[in-house]
Protein backbone atom coordinates (compact mmCIF):
# COMPACT_ATOMS: atom_id res chain seq x y z
CA MET A 1 49.86 -82.65 41.52
CA SER A 2 53.22 -81.83 39.92
CA HIS A 3 53.82 -78.48 38.28
CA GLN A 4 55.30 -78.12 34.79
CA GLY A 5 58.91 -77.77 35.95
CA GLU A 6 58.66 -81.02 37.89
CA ILE A 7 57.01 -82.78 34.93
CA LEU A 8 59.84 -81.58 32.69
CA GLN A 9 62.49 -82.74 35.17
CA GLU A 10 60.90 -86.17 35.48
CA ALA A 11 60.66 -86.59 31.69
CA ILE A 12 64.33 -85.66 31.28
CA LYS A 13 65.31 -88.08 34.05
CA ASN A 14 63.30 -90.90 32.44
CA SER A 15 64.77 -90.20 29.00
CA GLY A 16 68.28 -91.15 30.07
CA ILE A 17 69.71 -88.14 28.22
CA SER A 18 72.18 -86.11 30.26
CA ILE A 19 71.46 -82.59 31.45
CA THR A 20 74.81 -81.58 29.95
CA ARG A 21 73.72 -82.64 26.47
CA ILE A 22 70.39 -80.84 26.83
CA VAL A 23 71.87 -77.54 28.03
CA ASP A 24 74.52 -77.69 25.31
CA GLU A 25 71.88 -78.12 22.61
CA LEU A 26 69.73 -75.35 24.10
CA GLY A 27 72.66 -72.98 24.58
CA ILE A 28 71.89 -72.42 28.26
CA THR A 29 73.69 -73.23 31.51
CA ARG A 30 72.97 -75.95 34.03
CA PRO A 31 71.76 -73.47 36.69
CA THR A 32 69.21 -72.14 34.19
CA ILE A 33 67.65 -75.53 33.57
CA TYR A 34 67.60 -76.31 37.29
CA ARG A 35 65.74 -73.03 37.87
CA LYS A 36 63.27 -74.06 35.16
CA PHE A 37 62.58 -77.26 37.12
CA LYS A 38 61.30 -75.06 39.96
CA ASP A 39 58.93 -73.02 37.73
CA GLU A 40 55.23 -73.81 37.94
CA THR A 41 54.64 -72.75 34.31
CA LEU A 42 57.09 -72.89 31.45
CA ASP A 43 57.31 -71.31 28.02
CA TYR A 44 55.73 -73.54 25.36
CA ASN A 45 58.66 -73.20 22.93
CA PHE A 46 61.15 -74.14 25.66
CA VAL A 47 59.19 -77.29 26.54
CA LYS A 48 58.73 -78.17 22.86
CA ARG A 49 62.48 -77.83 22.21
CA ILE A 50 63.35 -80.11 25.14
CA GLY A 51 60.75 -82.58 23.90
CA GLU A 52 62.50 -82.65 20.52
CA ILE A 53 65.86 -83.26 22.18
CA ILE A 54 64.71 -86.10 24.44
CA GLY A 55 62.12 -87.53 22.05
CA HIS A 56 59.13 -86.87 24.33
CA ASP A 57 55.70 -85.44 23.53
CA PHE A 58 54.59 -83.18 26.39
CA SER A 59 51.13 -82.59 24.93
CA ARG A 60 49.72 -85.29 27.20
CA GLU A 61 51.13 -83.67 30.35
CA PHE A 62 50.07 -80.10 29.59
CA THR A 63 48.69 -78.13 26.66
CA SER A 64 49.99 -75.01 24.97
CA SER A 65 47.11 -73.00 26.43
CA HIS A 66 48.67 -73.49 29.87
CA GLN A 67 52.03 -72.11 28.78
CA SER A 68 53.32 -68.72 29.75
CA ALA A 69 54.04 -66.45 26.80
CA LEU A 70 57.30 -64.65 26.25
CA PRO A 71 56.98 -60.92 26.87
CA PHE A 72 58.60 -60.10 23.55
CA ALA A 73 57.06 -58.42 20.55
CA VAL A 74 58.63 -59.23 17.22
CA THR A 75 59.53 -56.00 15.48
CA PRO A 76 61.05 -55.57 12.04
CA VAL A 77 64.68 -54.54 11.64
CA ILE A 78 64.97 -50.96 10.39
CA HIS A 79 68.08 -49.77 8.57
CA SER A 80 68.82 -46.10 8.09
CA VAL A 81 70.88 -44.75 5.22
CA SER A 82 72.32 -41.24 5.06
CA VAL A 83 73.47 -39.71 1.81
CA THR A 84 75.59 -36.57 1.84
CA ALA A 85 75.89 -34.44 -1.29
CA ASP A 86 77.40 -31.00 -0.76
CA LYS A 87 75.31 -29.59 2.13
CA HIS A 88 72.20 -31.63 1.36
CA VAL A 89 71.51 -34.62 3.63
CA SER A 90 68.70 -37.06 3.00
CA HIS A 91 67.64 -39.99 5.16
CA LYS A 92 66.10 -43.12 3.79
CA SER A 93 64.75 -45.94 5.90
CA PHE A 94 63.60 -49.33 4.83
CA VAL A 95 62.30 -52.38 6.65
CA THR A 96 63.95 -55.74 6.17
CA PRO A 97 61.18 -58.31 5.71
CA LEU A 98 61.59 -61.38 7.91
CA ALA A 99 59.45 -64.47 7.97
CA GLU A 100 57.58 -64.72 11.27
CA THR A 101 59.01 -68.13 12.11
CA ASP A 102 62.56 -67.02 11.34
CA SER A 103 62.06 -63.97 13.54
CA LEU A 104 60.78 -66.06 16.41
CA LYS A 105 63.64 -68.52 16.04
CA GLN A 106 66.18 -65.68 16.02
CA LEU A 107 64.50 -64.12 19.03
CA MET A 108 64.68 -67.37 20.98
CA GLN A 109 68.36 -67.80 20.10
CA LEU A 110 69.11 -64.25 21.20
CA GLN A 111 67.19 -64.78 24.42
CA GLN A 112 69.19 -67.92 25.19
CA LYS A 113 72.47 -66.15 24.47
CA TYR A 114 71.43 -63.19 26.61
CA ILE A 115 70.52 -65.43 29.55
CA ALA A 116 73.81 -67.32 29.24
CA LEU A 117 75.70 -64.01 29.17
CA LEU A 118 73.88 -62.75 32.27
CA GLU A 119 74.66 -65.97 34.11
CA ALA A 120 78.32 -65.78 33.18
CA TYR A 121 78.38 -62.16 34.35
CA ASN A 122 76.80 -63.11 37.68
CA GLU A 123 79.33 -65.91 38.17
CA LEU A 124 82.15 -63.47 37.46
CA LEU A 125 80.75 -60.99 39.98
CA LEU A 126 80.55 -63.75 42.58
CA ARG A 127 84.18 -64.71 41.95
CA VAL A 128 85.41 -61.13 42.10
CA TYR A 129 83.32 -59.75 44.94
CA GLY A 130 82.12 -62.91 46.68
CA PRO A 131 78.63 -63.52 48.05
CA LYS A 132 76.75 -60.69 49.74
């Protein structure tokens, strides 16, 4: 039986949509998606996003209960304000309310950017120092 990465790879291949287009829309690199093809379980949101891009419903292949969850906790953004008057300093903090879906979307975008940055950094290190 195929694992989720292989199912994803096969669906992309059958869609006729190029890997380049998919990684551009996801904001990731080609090596990242090829690593995902080797994973036995994939994040539900990642699979859902690819399904939207290629026009494929993965719910028949695997359900969301079989997906691995991201190890992130959504926390509110806290701003701190300092006011100085003579020698008196007061601190005020407030929490910026964010809709849960917007927070999750922002988190996913940041995760994708972070992964792309790490991959670029690794490529740079390989160019500068060469393989081990």
